[in-house]
Amino acid sequence: MGIFFMTTLDEILETFSLLDDWEDRYAILIDLGKKLPDLPESLHREEFLIKGCTSKVWMIPEVKDGRFTFQADSDAHIVKGLVALLYITFNGKPANEMAAVDIEDIFQRLGLDKNLSPNRRNGFFSMVEKIRSYSI
């Protein structure tokens, strides 16, 4: 797993709850995206693009030893932060526990349902759909 200044979803939820200004929350998302492990340029290929995202998002998911892992990248700063949020939420999780994650609740608790454009919202849930396709 990558090293983030906020390493758990609970820390992100707590930090977001302390901030009133959406510009500050966007800044945190952007910072999270900067700490996402690098995806080699050689993996920025058409076959790894997530359909439904306006921005380009490349995701290479897999299940190893019963645990879900993925590598990903985006060409947009806020979207890369959303990818990092999903990375913190799902990467390394047992594949049989992924379906139990209530990502819609997390999305609402972070206020993303009210503060992301419809295109970014659709892209986020396209990434979630791809991730969930690996749960068992």
Protein backbone atom coordinates (compact mmCIF):
# COMPACT_ATOMS: atom_id res chain seq x y z
CA MET A 1 0.00 0.00 0.00
CA GLY A 2 1.12 3.52 -0.61
CA ILE A 3 2.04 5.89 2.19
CA PHE A 4 -0.52 8.65 2.64
CA PHE A 5 -0.60 11.48 5.17
CA MET A 6 -4.05 10.11 5.99
CA THR A 7 -3.82 6.37 5.86
CA THR A 8 -7.33 5.30 6.74
CA LEU A 9 -10.77 6.09 5.51
CA ASP A 10 -11.75 7.07 9.07
CA GLU A 11 -9.01 9.73 9.10
CA ILE A 12 -10.24 11.13 5.79
CA LEU A 13 -13.86 11.16 7.02
CA GLU A 14 -12.80 12.93 10.22
CA THR A 15 -10.71 15.52 8.36
CA PHE A 16 -13.51 16.24 5.89
CA SER A 17 -15.97 16.67 8.79
CA LEU A 18 -13.74 19.39 10.25
CA LEU A 19 -13.64 21.43 7.04
CA ASP A 20 -16.45 23.72 5.96
CA ASP A 21 -14.87 24.98 2.76
CA TRP A 22 -15.04 22.77 -0.31
CA GLU A 23 -11.88 24.32 -1.69
CA ASP A 24 -10.03 22.83 1.33
CA ARG A 25 -11.63 19.43 0.72
CA TYR A 26 -10.66 19.55 -2.95
CA ALA A 27 -7.10 20.40 -1.86
CA ILE A 28 -7.07 17.29 0.33
CA LEU A 29 -8.33 15.15 -2.56
CA ILE A 30 -5.63 16.57 -4.82
CA ASP A 31 -2.97 15.88 -2.16
CA LEU A 32 -4.24 12.31 -1.79
CA GLY A 33 -3.93 11.88 -5.54
CA LYS A 34 -0.32 13.11 -5.48
CA LYS A 35 0.51 10.34 -3.01
CA LEU A 36 -1.02 7.58 -5.12
CA PRO A 37 1.71 5.13 -6.17
CA ASP A 38 2.92 5.92 -9.69
CA LEU A 39 1.51 3.93 -12.57
CA PRO A 40 4.20 3.33 -15.19
CA GLU A 41 3.52 5.10 -18.49
CA SER A 42 3.70 1.71 -20.19
CA LEU A 43 0.39 0.84 -18.45
CA HIS A 44 -1.42 3.96 -19.69
CA ARG A 45 -3.06 1.84 -22.38
CA GLU A 46 -6.53 1.87 -23.91
CA GLU A 47 -7.35 -1.58 -22.49
CA PHE A 48 -6.99 -0.26 -18.92
CA LEU A 49 -9.18 2.85 -19.37
CA ILE A 50 -12.34 3.00 -17.26
CA LYS A 51 -15.40 3.54 -19.42
CA GLY A 52 -17.78 6.24 -18.19
CA CYS A 53 -15.11 8.66 -16.98
CA THR A 54 -14.77 12.01 -18.72
CA SER A 55 -11.18 12.22 -17.51
CA LYS A 56 -8.83 9.42 -18.37
CA VAL A 57 -8.56 6.82 -15.62
CA TRP A 58 -6.39 3.76 -16.05
CA MET A 59 -6.98 0.91 -13.62
CA ILE A 60 -5.30 -2.47 -13.40
CA PRO A 61 -7.14 -4.52 -10.77
CA GLU A 62 -6.37 -8.06 -9.67
CA VAL A 63 -6.98 -10.53 -6.87
CA LYS A 64 -3.83 -12.07 -5.35
CA ASP A 65 -4.02 -14.61 -2.54
CA GLY A 66 -7.67 -13.70 -1.98
CA ARG A 67 -6.94 -9.97 -1.63
CA PHE A 68 -7.96 -7.27 -4.05
CA THR A 69 -5.23 -4.94 -5.27
CA PHE A 70 -5.04 -2.38 -8.01
CA GLN A 71 -2.82 0.16 -9.66
CA ALA A 72 -4.38 3.26 -11.16
CA ASP A 73 -3.80 6.75 -12.45
CA SER A 74 -5.76 9.67 -13.88
CA ASP A 75 -4.95 12.69 -16.00
CA ALA A 76 -7.10 14.97 -13.76
CA HIS A 77 -6.01 16.06 -10.27
CA ILE A 78 -9.35 15.75 -8.46
CA VAL A 79 -10.14 12.46 -10.18
CA LYS A 80 -6.73 11.14 -9.17
CA GLY A 81 -7.70 12.06 -5.60
CA LEU A 82 -10.92 10.06 -6.00
CA VAL A 83 -8.81 7.14 -7.23
CA ALA A 84 -6.64 7.50 -4.11
CA LEU A 85 -9.78 7.46 -1.96
CA LEU A 86 -10.81 4.17 -3.57
CA TYR A 87 -7.25 2.89 -3.16
CA ILE A 88 -7.37 3.58 0.58
CA THR A 89 -10.83 2.02 0.81
CA PHE A 90 -10.30 -1.15 -1.23
CA ASN A 91 -6.63 -1.91 -1.91
CA GLY A 92 -5.47 -4.95 0.06
CA LYS A 93 -8.98 -5.81 1.24
CA PRO A 94 -10.04 -9.47 1.16
CA ALA A 95 -12.01 -9.90 -2.07
CA ASN A 96 -14.86 -11.56 -0.19
CA GLU A 97 -15.32 -8.43 2.00
CA MET A 98 -15.43 -5.84 -0.79
CA ALA A 99 -19.15 -6.16 -1.46
CA ALA A 100 -19.85 -5.22 2.18
CA VAL A 101 -18.19 -1.80 1.78
CA ASP A 102 -20.97 0.80 1.59
CA ILE A 103 -19.20 3.15 -0.80
CA GLU A 104 -22.42 5.12 -1.41
CA ASP A 105 -22.56 5.95 2.32
CA ILE A 106 -18.89 6.96 2.31
CA PHE A 107 -19.51 9.11 -0.78
CA GLN A 108 -22.37 10.92 1.02
CA ARG A 109 -20.52 11.25 4.35
CA LEU A 110 -17.66 12.96 2.50
CA GLY A 111 -20.18 15.29 0.82
CA LEU A 112 -19.07 14.19 -2.62
CA ASP A 113 -22.69 13.58 -3.66
CA LYS A 114 -23.35 17.33 -3.38
CA ASN A 115 -20.02 18.74 -4.50
CA LEU A 116 -18.88 16.75 -7.50
CA SER A 117 -20.09 17.39 -11.01
CA PRO A 118 -22.41 14.72 -12.45
CA ASN A 119 -19.62 13.64 -14.83
CA ARG A 120 -17.15 13.12 -11.97
CA ARG A 121 -19.82 11.34 -9.94
CA ASN A 122 -20.52 8.99 -12.87
CA GLY A 123 -16.81 8.39 -13.32
CA PHE A 124 -16.37 7.62 -9.62
CA PHE A 125 -19.10 5.02 -9.70
CA SER A 126 -17.71 3.56 -12.95
CA MET A 127 -14.47 2.97 -11.03
CA VAL A 128 -16.45 1.46 -8.13
CA GLU A 129 -18.27 -0.85 -10.56
CA LYS A 130 -14.96 -2.04 -11.98
CA ILE A 131 -13.62 -2.68 -8.48
CA ARG A 132 -16.78 -4.49 -7.38
CA SER A 133 -16.55 -6.78 -10.39
CA TYR A 134 -13.54 -8.33 -8.61
CA SER A 135 -15.35 -9.08 -5.35
CA ILE A 136 -16.18 -12.70 -4.68
